[in-house]
Amino acid sequence: MHTSYYPCNYSKDINAFFASRQAAAKTLTLFLESNMDCQELAVINSSKQTYIFFAQAIISFLTLIVAFAIGRKQNLINSRLVDLNFQISPEVTQDIHNINIKNNGKGNIYLNGVTWYENGITLMEENPYLITPSSSYHVPTDIIKNAIEKLPNNEKYSFSFDLYITDEHKSKFTVKNIINIEKQDFSTIIKCQTNDIRRIKKWENEKITKCFWPVAWRRPKL
């Protein structure tokens, strides 16, 4: 019996084995690298989305602030337009015993105090007196009576006084007035004139808190 022998090339087989191993390793490496690239890309995309979200949130917040500021400014303008219809309009008159203050405006006013330049006294009310539209308040005083008694016949005399008034928005006003007294043939003529109504930020004597209303005239405290 004849037997044939085929030579085995172990070196070639080993090289092929390692070559296949290297190819597999390279394929695995490429796969891992591609997978890492996908993960990095996902992280980058996630970061971009986060930045976009925060940017949109900041823009929305700034838009809200701007809208609030514009709305507040518009409300202030509307309030000022309404104020044009509610400007204070006090009518100041007198008799021998009182200074009479009538509110001819459309809003409430508050009488806070008075300065008598005749004697240099400023008196402020701790609880300002409310004068509603079309109503009046009377400030009792003896200054006019005393001036009439001391004034000679056929003579004239004048003195000034300021009223301190606030409106419903707590704006402060100084109402400047002058009273003219004249005696002619033993008859007395008294005229009260308002010279100026001025809005101011602060009264010079507003820290004085003495009451110029007699106890019987004061409104009860609530």
N, C-alpha and C. Protein backbone atom coordinates (compact mmCIF):
# COMPACT_ATOMS: atom_id res chain seq x y z
N MET A 1 0.85 -1.17 0.00
CA MET A 1 0.00 0.00 0.00
C MET A 1 0.88 1.21 0.00
N HIS A 2 0.45 2.14 -0.86
CA HIS A 2 1.26 3.34 -1.01
C HIS A 2 0.60 4.45 -0.22
N THR A 3 1.34 5.11 0.57
CA THR A 3 0.84 6.22 1.40
C THR A 3 1.51 7.48 0.97
N SER A 4 0.69 8.52 0.77
CA SER A 4 1.22 9.84 0.36
C SER A 4 1.26 10.78 1.57
N TYR A 5 2.29 11.49 1.68
CA TYR A 5 2.48 12.45 2.78
C TYR A 5 2.52 13.87 2.21
N TYR A 6 1.75 14.74 2.85
CA TYR A 6 1.73 16.16 2.44
C TYR A 6 2.45 16.99 3.51
N PRO A 7 3.38 17.76 3.08
CA PRO A 7 4.17 18.54 4.08
C PRO A 7 3.27 19.60 4.74
N CYS A 8 3.37 19.85 6.05
CA CYS A 8 2.60 20.87 6.82
C CYS A 8 3.46 22.12 7.01
N ASN A 9 2.93 23.26 6.60
CA ASN A 9 3.63 24.54 6.74
C ASN A 9 3.08 25.24 7.98
N TYR A 10 3.69 24.86 9.13
CA TYR A 10 3.22 25.45 10.40
C TYR A 10 3.49 26.94 10.48
N SER A 11 4.50 27.40 9.90
CA SER A 11 4.85 28.83 9.94
C SER A 11 3.78 29.65 9.25
N LYS A 12 3.31 29.17 8.12
CA LYS A 12 2.27 29.91 7.40
C LYS A 12 0.96 29.94 8.19
N ASP A 13 0.63 28.82 8.81
CA ASP A 13 -0.60 28.78 9.60
C ASP A 13 -0.53 29.73 10.79
N ILE A 14 0.62 29.78 11.43
CA ILE A 14 0.78 30.67 12.60
C ILE A 14 0.65 32.12 12.18
N ASN A 15 1.28 32.44 11.06
CA ASN A 15 1.19 33.84 10.58
C ASN A 15 -0.25 34.22 10.23
N ALA A 16 -0.96 33.29 9.62
CA ALA A 16 -2.36 33.58 9.30
C ALA A 16 -3.20 33.76 10.55
N PHE A 17 -2.89 32.93 11.57
CA PHE A 17 -3.64 33.04 12.83
C PHE A 17 -3.45 34.40 13.48
N PHE A 18 -2.15 34.81 13.54
CA PHE A 18 -1.88 36.12 14.15
C PHE A 18 -2.45 37.27 13.31
N ALA A 19 -2.42 37.07 12.02
CA ALA A 19 -2.98 38.11 11.15
C ALA A 19 -4.48 38.27 11.40
N SER A 20 -5.16 37.13 11.55
CA SER A 20 -6.61 37.22 11.83
C SER A 20 -6.86 37.85 13.19
N ARG A 21 -5.96 37.50 14.15
CA ARG A 21 -6.10 38.10 15.49
C ARG A 21 -5.90 39.62 15.43
N GLN A 22 -4.92 40.05 14.71
CA GLN A 22 -4.64 41.49 14.58
C GLN A 22 -5.80 42.20 13.89
N ALA A 23 -6.38 41.55 12.88
CA ALA A 23 -7.50 42.16 12.19
C ALA A 23 -8.71 42.30 13.12
N ALA A 24 -8.91 41.22 13.94
CA ALA A 24 -10.01 41.27 14.89
C ALA A 24 -9.80 42.38 15.93
N ALA A 25 -8.53 42.49 16.42
CA ALA A 25 -8.21 43.52 17.40
C ALA A 25 -8.42 44.91 16.80
N LYS A 26 -7.97 45.07 15.53
CA LYS A 26 -8.13 46.37 14.86
C LYS A 26 -9.61 46.71 14.70
N THR A 27 -10.39 45.68 14.31
CA THR A 27 -11.83 45.91 14.15
C THR A 27 -12.48 46.31 15.47
N LEU A 28 -12.04 45.61 16.57
CA LEU A 28 -12.57 45.94 17.90
C LEU A 28 -12.18 47.35 18.31
N THR A 29 -10.91 47.70 18.00
CA THR A 29 -10.44 49.04 18.34
C THR A 29 -11.23 50.11 17.60
N LEU A 30 -11.46 49.88 16.31
CA LEU A 30 -12.24 50.83 15.53
C LEU A 30 -13.67 50.95 16.05
N PHE A 31 -14.22 49.77 16.45
CA PHE A 31 -15.57 49.79 16.99
C PHE A 31 -15.64 50.59 18.29
N LEU A 32 -14.63 50.35 19.18
CA LEU A 32 -14.61 51.09 20.46
C LEU A 32 -14.41 52.58 20.23
N GLU A 33 -13.50 52.89 19.27
CA GLU A 33 -13.26 54.30 18.99
C GLU A 33 -14.52 54.97 18.43
N SER A 34 -15.19 54.26 17.53
CA SER A 34 -16.42 54.83 16.97
C SER A 34 -17.48 54.99 18.05
N ASN A 35 -17.53 54.00 18.98
CA ASN A 35 -18.50 54.08 20.07
C ASN A 35 -18.19 55.26 20.99
N MET A 36 -16.86 55.49 21.28
CA MET A 36 -16.45 56.62 22.10
C MET A 36 -16.78 57.93 21.40
N ASP A 37 -16.60 57.98 20.07
CA ASP A 37 -16.94 59.19 19.33
C ASP A 37 -18.43 59.49 19.44
N CYS A 38 -19.24 58.43 19.41
CA CYS A 38 -20.68 58.62 19.54
C CYS A 38 -21.03 59.16 20.93
N GLN A 39 -20.35 58.61 21.95
CA GLN A 39 -20.61 59.08 23.30
C GLN A 39 -20.19 60.54 23.49
N GLU A 40 -18.97 60.84 22.94
CA GLU A 40 -18.51 62.22 23.04
C GLU A 40 -19.46 63.16 22.30
N LEU A 41 -19.93 62.72 21.13
CA LEU A 41 -20.86 63.54 20.37
C LEU A 41 -22.16 63.74 21.14
N ALA A 42 -22.61 62.67 21.82
CA ALA A 42 -23.83 62.78 22.62
C ALA A 42 -23.64 63.75 23.77
N VAL A 43 -22.44 63.70 24.41
CA VAL A 43 -22.14 64.63 25.51
C VAL A 43 -22.12 66.06 25.00
N ILE A 44 -21.50 66.26 23.84
CA ILE A 44 -21.43 67.61 23.26
C ILE A 44 -22.82 68.12 22.93
N ASN A 45 -23.63 67.25 22.33
CA ASN A 45 -25.00 67.66 22.00
C ASN A 45 -25.80 67.97 23.26
N SER A 46 -25.58 67.14 24.30
CA SER A 46 -26.28 67.40 25.56
C SER A 46 -25.85 68.73 26.17
N SER A 47 -24.53 69.02 26.09
CA SER A 47 -24.03 70.30 26.61
C SER A 47 -24.62 71.47 25.83
N LYS A 48 -24.68 71.33 24.50
CA LYS A 48 -25.26 72.39 23.68
C LYS A 48 -26.73 72.63 24.04
N GLN A 49 -27.46 71.54 24.24
CA GLN A 49 -28.87 71.68 24.61
C GLN A 49 -29.01 72.37 25.97
N THR A 50 -28.09 72.03 26.90
CA THR A 50 -28.12 72.67 28.22
C THR A 50 -27.86 74.16 28.10
N TYR A 51 -26.84 74.54 27.30
CA TYR A 51 -26.52 75.96 27.10
C TYR A 51 -27.69 76.68 26.45
N ILE A 52 -28.31 76.04 25.46
CA ILE A 52 -29.45 76.66 24.78
C ILE A 52 -30.61 76.86 25.75
N PHE A 53 -30.84 75.85 26.63
CA PHE A 53 -31.92 75.95 27.61
C PHE A 53 -31.68 77.12 28.55
N PHE A 54 -30.45 77.23 29.07
CA PHE A 54 -30.14 78.33 29.98
C PHE A 54 -30.21 79.68 29.27
N ALA A 55 -29.75 79.73 28.03
CA ALA A 55 -29.83 80.98 27.27
C ALA A 55 -31.28 81.40 27.08
N GLN A 56 -32.14 80.43 26.73
CA GLN A 56 -33.55 80.74 26.56
C GLN A 56 -34.18 81.19 27.88
N ALA A 57 -33.77 80.55 28.98
CA ALA A 57 -34.30 80.94 30.29
C ALA A 57 -33.89 82.37 30.64
N ILE A 58 -32.62 82.71 30.38
CA ILE A 58 -32.15 84.06 30.68
C ILE A 58 -32.87 85.09 29.81
N ILE A 59 -33.03 84.77 28.51
CA ILE A 59 -33.75 85.69 27.62
C ILE A 59 -35.19 85.87 28.08
N SER A 60 -35.83 84.79 28.50
CA SER A 60 -37.21 84.89 28.98
C SER A 60 -37.28 85.74 30.25
N PHE A 61 -36.31 85.56 31.15
CA PHE A 61 -36.28 86.34 32.38
C PHE A 61 -36.07 87.82 32.10
N LEU A 62 -35.13 88.13 31.20
CA LEU A 62 -34.89 89.53 30.83
C LEU A 62 -36.12 90.14 30.15
N THR A 63 -36.77 89.34 29.30
CA THR A 63 -37.99 89.82 28.65
C THR A 63 -39.07 90.14 29.67
N LEU A 64 -39.18 89.27 30.70
CA LEU A 64 -40.16 89.51 31.75
C LEU A 64 -39.86 90.79 32.51
N ILE A 65 -38.57 91.02 32.80
CA ILE A 65 -38.19 92.25 33.52
C ILE A 65 -38.51 93.48 32.69
N VAL A 66 -38.15 93.44 31.40
CA VAL A 66 -38.42 94.58 30.52
C VAL A 66 -39.93 94.83 30.42
N ALA A 67 -40.71 93.76 30.29
CA ALA A 67 -42.17 93.91 30.19
C ALA A 67 -42.73 94.49 31.49
N PHE A 68 -42.20 94.06 32.62
CA PHE A 68 -42.64 94.59 33.91
C PHE A 68 -42.31 96.06 34.03
N ALA A 69 -41.09 96.45 33.62
CA ALA A 69 -40.69 97.86 33.69
C ALA A 69 -41.56 98.71 32.78
N ILE A 70 -41.83 98.22 31.57
CA ILE A 70 -42.67 98.98 30.65
C ILE A 70 -44.09 99.11 31.20
N GLY A 71 -44.61 98.01 31.75
CA GLY A 71 -45.95 98.07 32.33
C GLY A 71 -46.04 99.02 33.50
N ARG A 72 -45.00 99.01 34.34
CA ARG A 72 -45.00 99.93 35.49
C ARG A 72 -44.93 101.38 35.03
N LYS A 73 -44.12 101.64 34.03
CA LYS A 73 -44.00 103.00 33.48
C LYS A 73 -45.33 103.43 32.89
N GLN A 74 -45.99 102.52 32.18
CA GLN A 74 -47.28 102.85 31.58
C GLN A 74 -48.32 103.13 32.65
N ASN A 75 -48.29 102.34 33.74
CA ASN A 75 -49.22 102.58 34.84
C ASN A 75 -48.98 103.94 35.48
N LEU A 76 -47.70 104.32 35.60
CA LEU A 76 -47.37 105.63 36.16
C LEU A 76 -47.89 106.74 35.26
N ILE A 77 -47.72 106.56 33.93
CA ILE A 77 -48.22 107.57 32.99
C ILE A 77 -49.74 107.67 33.08
N ASN A 78 -50.41 106.51 33.15
CA ASN A 78 -51.87 106.51 33.27
C ASN A 78 -52.31 107.18 34.57
N SER A 79 -51.55 106.91 35.64
CA SER A 79 -51.89 107.52 36.92
C SER A 79 -51.74 109.03 36.86
N ARG A 80 -50.66 109.49 36.18
CA ARG A 80 -50.47 110.93 36.04
C ARG A 80 -51.58 111.55 35.20
N LEU A 81 -52.03 110.83 34.18
CA LEU A 81 -53.12 111.34 33.36
C LEU A 81 -54.41 111.45 34.17
N VAL A 82 -54.61 110.46 35.04
CA VAL A 82 -55.78 110.53 35.92
C VAL A 82 -55.64 111.69 36.90
N ASP A 83 -54.40 111.93 37.37
CA ASP A 83 -54.17 113.01 38.32
C ASP A 83 -54.54 114.37 37.74
N LEU A 84 -54.45 114.48 36.41
CA LEU A 84 -54.80 115.76 35.79
C LEU A 84 -56.26 116.11 36.06
N ASN A 85 -57.07 115.07 36.22
CA ASN A 85 -58.48 115.30 36.52
C ASN A 85 -58.75 115.41 38.02
N PHE A 86 -57.73 115.18 38.84
CA PHE A 86 -57.92 115.20 40.29
C PHE A 86 -56.90 116.13 40.96
N GLN A 87 -56.54 117.23 40.29
CA GLN A 87 -55.66 118.21 40.90
C GLN A 87 -56.37 118.86 42.08
N ILE A 88 -55.59 119.15 43.14
CA ILE A 88 -56.23 119.77 44.30
C ILE A 88 -56.71 121.17 43.93
N SER A 89 -57.84 121.53 44.49
CA SER A 89 -58.43 122.85 44.22
C SER A 89 -59.07 123.37 45.50
N PRO A 90 -58.24 123.77 46.47
CA PRO A 90 -58.81 124.30 47.71
C PRO A 90 -59.24 125.76 47.55
N GLU A 91 -60.39 126.06 48.06
CA GLU A 91 -60.88 127.44 48.09
C GLU A 91 -60.77 127.95 49.53
N VAL A 92 -59.96 128.97 49.74
CA VAL A 92 -59.69 129.47 51.08
C VAL A 92 -60.42 130.80 51.27
N THR A 93 -61.29 130.85 52.26
CA THR A 93 -62.00 132.06 52.63
C THR A 93 -61.84 132.29 54.13
N GLN A 94 -62.48 133.33 54.64
CA GLN A 94 -62.32 133.67 56.05
C GLN A 94 -63.58 134.32 56.58
N ASP A 95 -63.70 134.25 57.90
CA ASP A 95 -64.61 135.12 58.64
C ASP A 95 -63.82 135.61 59.85
N ILE A 96 -64.46 136.26 60.75
CA ILE A 96 -63.72 136.86 61.87
C ILE A 96 -63.06 135.80 62.74
N HIS A 97 -63.66 134.64 62.83
CA HIS A 97 -63.18 133.64 63.78
C HIS A 97 -62.53 132.42 63.12
N ASN A 98 -62.60 132.29 61.79
CA ASN A 98 -62.14 131.06 61.15
C ASN A 98 -61.47 131.32 59.81
N ILE A 99 -60.59 130.38 59.47
CA ILE A 99 -60.14 130.22 58.09
C ILE A 99 -60.91 129.04 57.52
N ASN A 100 -61.62 129.26 56.43
CA ASN A 100 -62.48 128.22 55.86
C ASN A 100 -61.82 127.63 54.62
N ILE A 101 -61.74 126.32 54.59
CA ILE A 101 -61.10 125.61 53.47
C ILE A 101 -62.14 124.70 52.84
N LYS A 102 -62.46 124.97 51.58
CA LYS A 102 -63.41 124.14 50.85
C LYS A 102 -62.67 123.38 49.75
N ASN A 103 -62.98 122.11 49.62
CA ASN A 103 -62.36 121.26 48.62
C ASN A 103 -63.19 121.27 47.35
N ASN A 104 -62.75 122.02 46.34
CA ASN A 104 -63.45 122.10 45.06
C ASN A 104 -62.92 121.08 44.05
N GLY A 105 -61.98 120.26 44.45
CA GLY A 105 -61.42 119.26 43.55
C GLY A 105 -62.26 117.99 43.51
N LYS A 106 -61.78 117.00 42.77
CA LYS A 106 -62.49 115.74 42.62
C LYS A 106 -61.96 114.64 43.53
N GLY A 107 -60.83 114.89 44.20
CA GLY A 107 -60.25 113.89 45.10
C GLY A 107 -60.18 114.42 46.52
N ASN A 108 -59.93 113.50 47.46
CA ASN A 108 -59.79 113.89 48.85
C ASN A 108 -58.49 114.66 49.07
N ILE A 109 -58.52 115.61 50.00
CA ILE A 109 -57.32 116.30 50.43
C ILE A 109 -57.24 116.21 51.94
N TYR A 110 -56.03 116.45 52.46
CA TYR A 110 -55.79 116.33 53.90
C TYR A 110 -55.08 117.60 54.38
N LEU A 111 -55.67 118.22 55.39
CA LEU A 111 -55.06 119.41 55.98
C LEU A 111 -54.08 118.97 57.06
N ASN A 112 -52.79 119.30 56.85
CA ASN A 112 -51.74 118.85 57.76
C ASN A 112 -51.29 119.92 58.74
N GLY A 113 -51.39 121.19 58.35
CA GLY A 113 -50.91 122.22 59.25
C GLY A 113 -51.04 123.60 58.67
N VAL A 114 -50.56 124.59 59.43
CA VAL A 114 -50.67 126.00 59.03
C VAL A 114 -49.50 126.77 59.64
N THR A 115 -49.03 127.76 58.91
CA THR A 115 -48.04 128.71 59.43
C THR A 115 -48.67 130.10 59.43
N TRP A 116 -48.71 130.71 60.62
CA TRP A 116 -49.20 132.08 60.74
C TRP A 116 -48.00 133.01 60.75
N TYR A 117 -47.83 133.79 59.69
CA TYR A 117 -46.71 134.72 59.64
C TYR A 117 -46.95 135.94 60.51
N GLU A 118 -48.19 136.11 60.97
CA GLU A 118 -48.51 137.21 61.87
C GLU A 118 -47.76 137.07 63.19
N ASN A 119 -47.67 135.85 63.69
CA ASN A 119 -46.96 135.62 64.96
C ASN A 119 -45.80 134.64 64.81
N GLY A 120 -45.55 134.20 63.57
CA GLY A 120 -44.40 133.32 63.33
C GLY A 120 -44.56 131.91 63.85
N ILE A 121 -45.80 131.48 64.07
CA ILE A 121 -46.06 130.15 64.64
C ILE A 121 -46.46 129.18 63.55
N THR A 122 -45.84 128.00 63.58
CA THR A 122 -46.23 126.90 62.70
C THR A 122 -46.80 125.79 63.55
N LEU A 123 -47.99 125.34 63.20
CA LEU A 123 -48.66 124.27 63.94
C LEU A 123 -49.02 123.16 62.97
N MET A 124 -48.64 121.94 63.31
CA MET A 124 -48.90 120.79 62.46
C MET A 124 -49.78 119.80 63.21
N GLU A 125 -50.72 119.23 62.50
CA GLU A 125 -51.63 118.24 63.08
C GLU A 125 -51.03 116.85 62.98
N GLU A 126 -51.03 116.14 64.08
CA GLU A 126 -50.47 114.78 64.09
C GLU A 126 -51.28 113.84 63.21
N ASN A 127 -52.59 114.02 63.22
CA ASN A 127 -53.49 113.23 62.38
C ASN A 127 -54.18 114.18 61.39
N PRO A 128 -53.67 114.26 60.14
CA PRO A 128 -54.23 115.22 59.17
C PRO A 128 -55.74 115.06 59.01
N TYR A 129 -56.41 116.20 58.82
CA TYR A 129 -57.86 116.21 58.73
C TYR A 129 -58.30 115.99 57.29
N LEU A 130 -59.20 115.05 57.09
CA LEU A 130 -59.71 114.72 55.77
C LEU A 130 -60.79 115.71 55.33
N ILE A 131 -60.61 116.23 54.10
CA ILE A 131 -61.63 117.10 53.51
C ILE A 131 -62.05 116.46 52.20
N THR A 132 -63.25 115.93 52.16
CA THR A 132 -63.75 115.25 50.96
C THR A 132 -64.20 116.26 49.92
N PRO A 133 -64.38 115.85 48.65
CA PRO A 133 -64.82 116.78 47.62
C PRO A 133 -66.13 117.48 47.99
N SER A 134 -66.16 118.79 47.75
CA SER A 134 -67.33 119.66 47.99
C SER A 134 -67.59 119.92 49.47
N SER A 135 -66.76 119.40 50.36
CA SER A 135 -66.94 119.67 51.79
C SER A 135 -65.94 120.72 52.25
N SER A 136 -66.12 121.20 53.47
CA SER A 136 -65.28 122.29 53.99
C SER A 136 -64.78 121.94 55.38
N TYR A 137 -63.74 122.65 55.77
CA TYR A 137 -63.26 122.56 57.14
C TYR A 137 -62.90 123.96 57.60
N HIS A 138 -63.10 124.22 58.89
CA HIS A 138 -62.89 125.55 59.44
C HIS A 138 -61.78 125.49 60.49
N VAL A 139 -60.75 126.29 60.29
CA VAL A 139 -59.64 126.38 61.24
C VAL A 139 -59.90 127.58 62.14
N PRO A 140 -60.21 127.38 63.41
CA PRO A 140 -60.49 128.51 64.30
C PRO A 140 -59.22 129.30 64.61
N THR A 141 -59.34 130.61 64.62
CA THR A 141 -58.20 131.47 64.92
C THR A 141 -58.71 132.82 65.42
N ASP A 142 -57.93 133.46 66.29
CA ASP A 142 -58.25 134.79 66.81
C ASP A 142 -57.42 135.87 66.14
N ILE A 143 -56.59 135.49 65.19
CA ILE A 143 -55.68 136.46 64.57
C ILE A 143 -56.45 137.54 63.82
N ILE A 144 -57.46 137.17 63.06
CA ILE A 144 -58.23 138.14 62.30
C ILE A 144 -58.97 139.09 63.25
N LYS A 145 -59.59 138.53 64.26
CA LYS A 145 -60.33 139.35 65.23
C LYS A 145 -59.40 140.34 65.92
N ASN A 146 -58.25 139.87 66.36
CA ASN A 146 -57.30 140.76 67.05
C ASN A 146 -56.80 141.86 66.12
N ALA A 147 -56.54 141.51 64.85
CA ALA A 147 -56.05 142.51 63.90
C ALA A 147 -57.11 143.58 63.66
N ILE A 148 -58.38 143.19 63.57
CA ILE A 148 -59.45 144.16 63.36
C ILE A 148 -59.58 145.10 64.55
N GLU A 149 -59.46 144.54 65.75
CA GLU A 149 -59.60 145.36 66.96
C GLU A 149 -58.47 146.38 67.08
N LYS A 150 -57.27 146.01 66.63
CA LYS A 150 -56.13 146.92 66.77
C LYS A 150 -55.98 147.89 65.60
N LEU A 151 -56.68 147.65 64.50
CA LEU A 151 -56.52 148.48 63.30
C LEU A 151 -57.30 149.79 63.45
N PRO A 152 -56.62 150.92 63.29
CA PRO A 152 -57.32 152.22 63.36
C PRO A 152 -58.25 152.39 62.17
N ASN A 153 -59.16 153.33 62.30
CA ASN A 153 -60.11 153.61 61.24
C ASN A 153 -59.39 154.18 60.03
N ASN A 154 -59.88 153.82 58.83
CA ASN A 154 -59.30 154.26 57.56
C ASN A 154 -57.85 153.79 57.38
N GLU A 155 -57.56 152.63 57.89
CA GLU A 155 -56.23 152.03 57.73
C GLU A 155 -56.38 150.64 57.11
N LYS A 156 -55.25 150.17 56.55
CA LYS A 156 -55.21 148.84 55.93
C LYS A 156 -54.16 147.99 56.63
N TYR A 157 -54.42 146.70 56.62
CA TYR A 157 -53.44 145.77 57.22
C TYR A 157 -53.52 144.43 56.48
N SER A 158 -52.37 143.82 56.27
CA SER A 158 -52.31 142.53 55.57
C SER A 158 -51.41 141.57 56.33
N PHE A 159 -51.73 140.29 56.28
CA PHE A 159 -50.84 139.27 56.83
C PHE A 159 -51.00 137.98 56.03
N SER A 160 -49.98 137.18 56.04
CA SER A 160 -49.93 135.96 55.22
C SER A 160 -49.99 134.72 56.09
N PHE A 161 -50.43 133.63 55.49
CA PHE A 161 -50.39 132.33 56.15
C PHE A 161 -50.31 131.24 55.08
N ASP A 162 -49.71 130.13 55.45
CA ASP A 162 -49.56 128.98 54.56
C ASP A 162 -50.35 127.80 55.11
N LEU A 163 -50.98 127.08 54.20
CA LEU A 163 -51.64 125.83 54.56
C LEU A 163 -50.85 124.68 53.97
N TYR A 164 -50.71 123.58 54.73
CA TYR A 164 -49.97 122.41 54.29
C TYR A 164 -50.98 121.29 54.01
N ILE A 165 -51.07 120.90 52.74
CA ILE A 165 -52.09 119.97 52.29
C ILE A 165 -51.44 118.80 51.55
N THR A 166 -51.98 117.61 51.73
CA THR A 166 -51.57 116.44 50.94
C THR A 166 -52.79 115.91 50.19
N ASP A 167 -52.52 115.21 49.07
CA ASP A 167 -53.60 114.60 48.32
C ASP A 167 -53.66 113.11 48.59
N GLU A 168 -54.47 112.40 47.79
CA GLU A 168 -54.64 110.96 48.01
C GLU A 168 -53.38 110.17 47.74
N HIS A 169 -52.46 110.73 46.94
CA HIS A 169 -51.20 110.06 46.62
C HIS A 169 -50.07 110.50 47.55
N LYS A 170 -50.40 111.21 48.62
CA LYS A 170 -49.45 111.71 49.61
C LYS A 170 -48.49 112.75 49.04
N SER A 171 -48.86 113.35 47.92
CA SER A 171 -48.09 114.48 47.41
C SER A 171 -48.34 115.69 48.31
N LYS A 172 -47.27 116.46 48.54
CA LYS A 172 -47.36 117.58 49.46
C LYS A 172 -47.48 118.90 48.72
N PHE A 173 -48.34 119.78 49.25
CA PHE A 173 -48.58 121.08 48.65
C PHE A 173 -48.54 122.15 49.74
N THR A 174 -48.01 123.30 49.35
CA THR A 174 -48.09 124.48 50.20
C THR A 174 -49.02 125.48 49.52
N VAL A 175 -50.06 125.86 50.24
CA VAL A 175 -51.03 126.82 49.71
C VAL A 175 -50.77 128.16 50.40
N LYS A 176 -50.28 129.15 49.65
CA LYS A 176 -49.92 130.45 50.19
C LYS A 176 -51.08 131.42 50.04
N ASN A 177 -51.41 132.09 51.15
CA ASN A 177 -52.57 132.98 51.18
C ASN A 177 -52.21 134.30 51.84
N ILE A 178 -53.00 135.31 51.56
CA ILE A 178 -52.86 136.61 52.19
C ILE A 178 -54.24 137.15 52.53
N ILE A 179 -54.36 137.76 53.70
CA ILE A 179 -55.62 138.37 54.12
C ILE A 179 -55.42 139.88 54.21
N ASN A 180 -56.28 140.60 53.56
CA ASN A 180 -56.25 142.06 53.55
C ASN A 180 -57.44 142.57 54.38
N ILE A 181 -57.14 143.44 55.33
CA ILE A 181 -58.15 144.03 56.21
C ILE A 181 -58.13 145.54 56.02
N GLU A 182 -59.27 146.10 55.85
CA GLU A 182 -59.36 147.56 55.64
C GLU A 182 -60.56 148.11 56.42
N LYS A 183 -60.32 149.20 57.15
CA LYS A 183 -61.41 149.89 57.84
C LYS A 183 -61.71 151.20 57.13
N GLN A 184 -62.96 151.36 56.75
CA GLN A 184 -63.40 152.60 56.09
C GLN A 184 -64.69 153.07 56.76
N ASP A 185 -64.59 154.24 57.39
CA ASP A 185 -65.76 154.81 58.06
C ASP A 185 -66.37 153.82 59.04
N PHE A 186 -65.47 153.18 59.78
CA PHE A 186 -65.85 152.26 60.84
C PHE A 186 -66.53 150.97 60.33
N SER A 187 -66.44 150.77 59.05
CA SER A 187 -66.87 149.47 58.49
C SER A 187 -65.61 148.69 58.08
N THR A 188 -65.66 147.38 58.23
CA THR A 188 -64.48 146.55 58.01
C THR A 188 -64.66 145.70 56.76
N ILE A 189 -63.64 145.72 55.90
CA ILE A 189 -63.64 144.90 54.69
C ILE A 189 -62.50 143.88 54.83
N ILE A 190 -62.83 142.62 54.69
CA ILE A 190 -61.84 141.53 54.80
C ILE A 190 -61.85 140.73 53.51
N LYS A 191 -60.69 140.54 52.94
CA LYS A 191 -60.56 139.75 51.72
C LYS A 191 -59.42 138.75 51.89
N CYS A 192 -59.69 137.53 51.49
CA CYS A 192 -58.66 136.47 51.53
C CYS A 192 -58.34 136.06 50.10
N GLN A 193 -57.07 136.01 49.78
CA GLN A 193 -56.64 135.68 48.43
C GLN A 193 -55.57 134.59 48.47
N THR A 194 -55.73 133.58 47.61
CA THR A 194 -54.72 132.53 47.47
C THR A 194 -53.75 132.92 46.36
N ASN A 195 -52.48 133.06 46.72
CA ASN A 195 -51.46 133.52 45.77
C ASN A 195 -50.76 132.39 45.04
N ASP A 196 -50.65 131.23 45.66
CA ASP A 196 -49.85 130.17 45.05
C ASP A 196 -50.21 128.83 45.66
N ILE A 197 -50.26 127.80 44.82
CA ILE A 197 -50.38 126.41 45.26
C ILE A 197 -49.20 125.67 44.66
N ARG A 198 -48.30 125.23 45.51
CA ARG A 198 -47.03 124.69 45.02
C ARG A 198 -46.80 123.29 45.57
N ARG A 199 -46.49 122.37 44.65
CA ARG A 199 -46.12 121.00 45.07
C ARG A 199 -44.66 120.99 45.49
N ILE A 200 -44.37 120.44 46.65
CA ILE A 200 -43.01 120.39 47.15
C ILE A 200 -42.71 118.99 47.68
N LYS A 201 -41.42 118.70 47.86
CA LYS A 201 -41.01 117.39 48.34
C LYS A 201 -41.08 117.30 49.87
N LYS A 202 -40.75 118.42 50.53
CA LYS A 202 -40.69 118.38 52.00
C LYS A 202 -41.02 119.75 52.54
N TRP A 203 -41.87 119.77 53.56
CA TRP A 203 -42.15 121.02 54.25
C TRP A 203 -41.02 121.34 55.23
N GLU A 204 -40.70 122.59 55.35
CA GLU A 204 -39.61 122.99 56.25
C GLU A 204 -39.94 122.69 57.71
N ASN A 205 -41.22 122.79 58.06
CA ASN A 205 -41.62 122.65 59.46
C ASN A 205 -42.44 121.40 59.72
N GLU A 206 -42.29 120.38 58.89
CA GLU A 206 -43.18 119.23 59.00
C GLU A 206 -42.90 118.37 60.23
N LYS A 207 -41.77 118.57 60.90
CA LYS A 207 -41.47 117.79 62.10
C LYS A 207 -42.20 118.30 63.33
N ILE A 208 -42.76 119.52 63.25
CA ILE A 208 -43.53 120.06 64.36
C ILE A 208 -44.88 119.35 64.40
N THR A 209 -45.24 118.81 65.55
CA THR A 209 -46.48 118.02 65.64
C THR A 209 -47.39 118.54 66.74
N LYS A 210 -47.58 119.85 66.79
CA LYS A 210 -48.53 120.42 67.73
C LYS A 210 -49.89 120.54 67.05
N CYS A 211 -50.94 120.34 67.83
CA CYS A 211 -52.28 120.40 67.25
C CYS A 211 -52.78 121.84 67.25
N PHE A 212 -53.28 122.31 66.10
CA PHE A 212 -53.82 123.66 66.06
C PHE A 212 -55.34 123.65 66.13
N TRP A 213 -55.96 122.47 66.31
CA TRP A 213 -57.39 122.40 66.52
C TRP A 213 -57.67 122.31 68.02
N PRO A 214 -58.61 123.09 68.52
CA PRO A 214 -59.02 122.90 69.92
C PRO A 214 -59.58 121.49 70.13
N VAL A 215 -59.53 121.02 71.34
CA VAL A 215 -59.95 119.66 71.63
C VAL A 215 -61.38 119.41 71.17
N ALA A 216 -62.25 120.40 71.35
CA ALA A 216 -63.66 120.22 70.98
C ALA A 216 -63.85 120.12 69.47
N TRP A 217 -62.87 120.62 68.69
CA TRP A 217 -62.98 120.64 67.24
C TRP A 217 -62.31 119.43 66.61
N ARG A 218 -61.54 118.70 67.37
CA ARG A 218 -60.76 117.62 66.79
C ARG A 218 -61.66 116.43 66.47
N ARG A 219 -61.37 115.80 65.36
CA ARG A 219 -62.09 114.58 65.03
C ARG A 219 -61.57 113.45 65.92
N PRO A 220 -62.41 112.49 66.28
CA PRO A 220 -61.94 111.39 67.14
C PRO A 220 -60.94 110.52 66.42
N LYS A 221 -59.98 110.01 67.16
CA LYS A 221 -58.99 109.09 66.58
C LYS A 221 -59.63 107.72 66.39
N LEU A 222 -59.35 107.10 65.26
CA LEU A 222 -59.89 105.77 64.98
C LEU A 222 -58.99 104.70 65.55
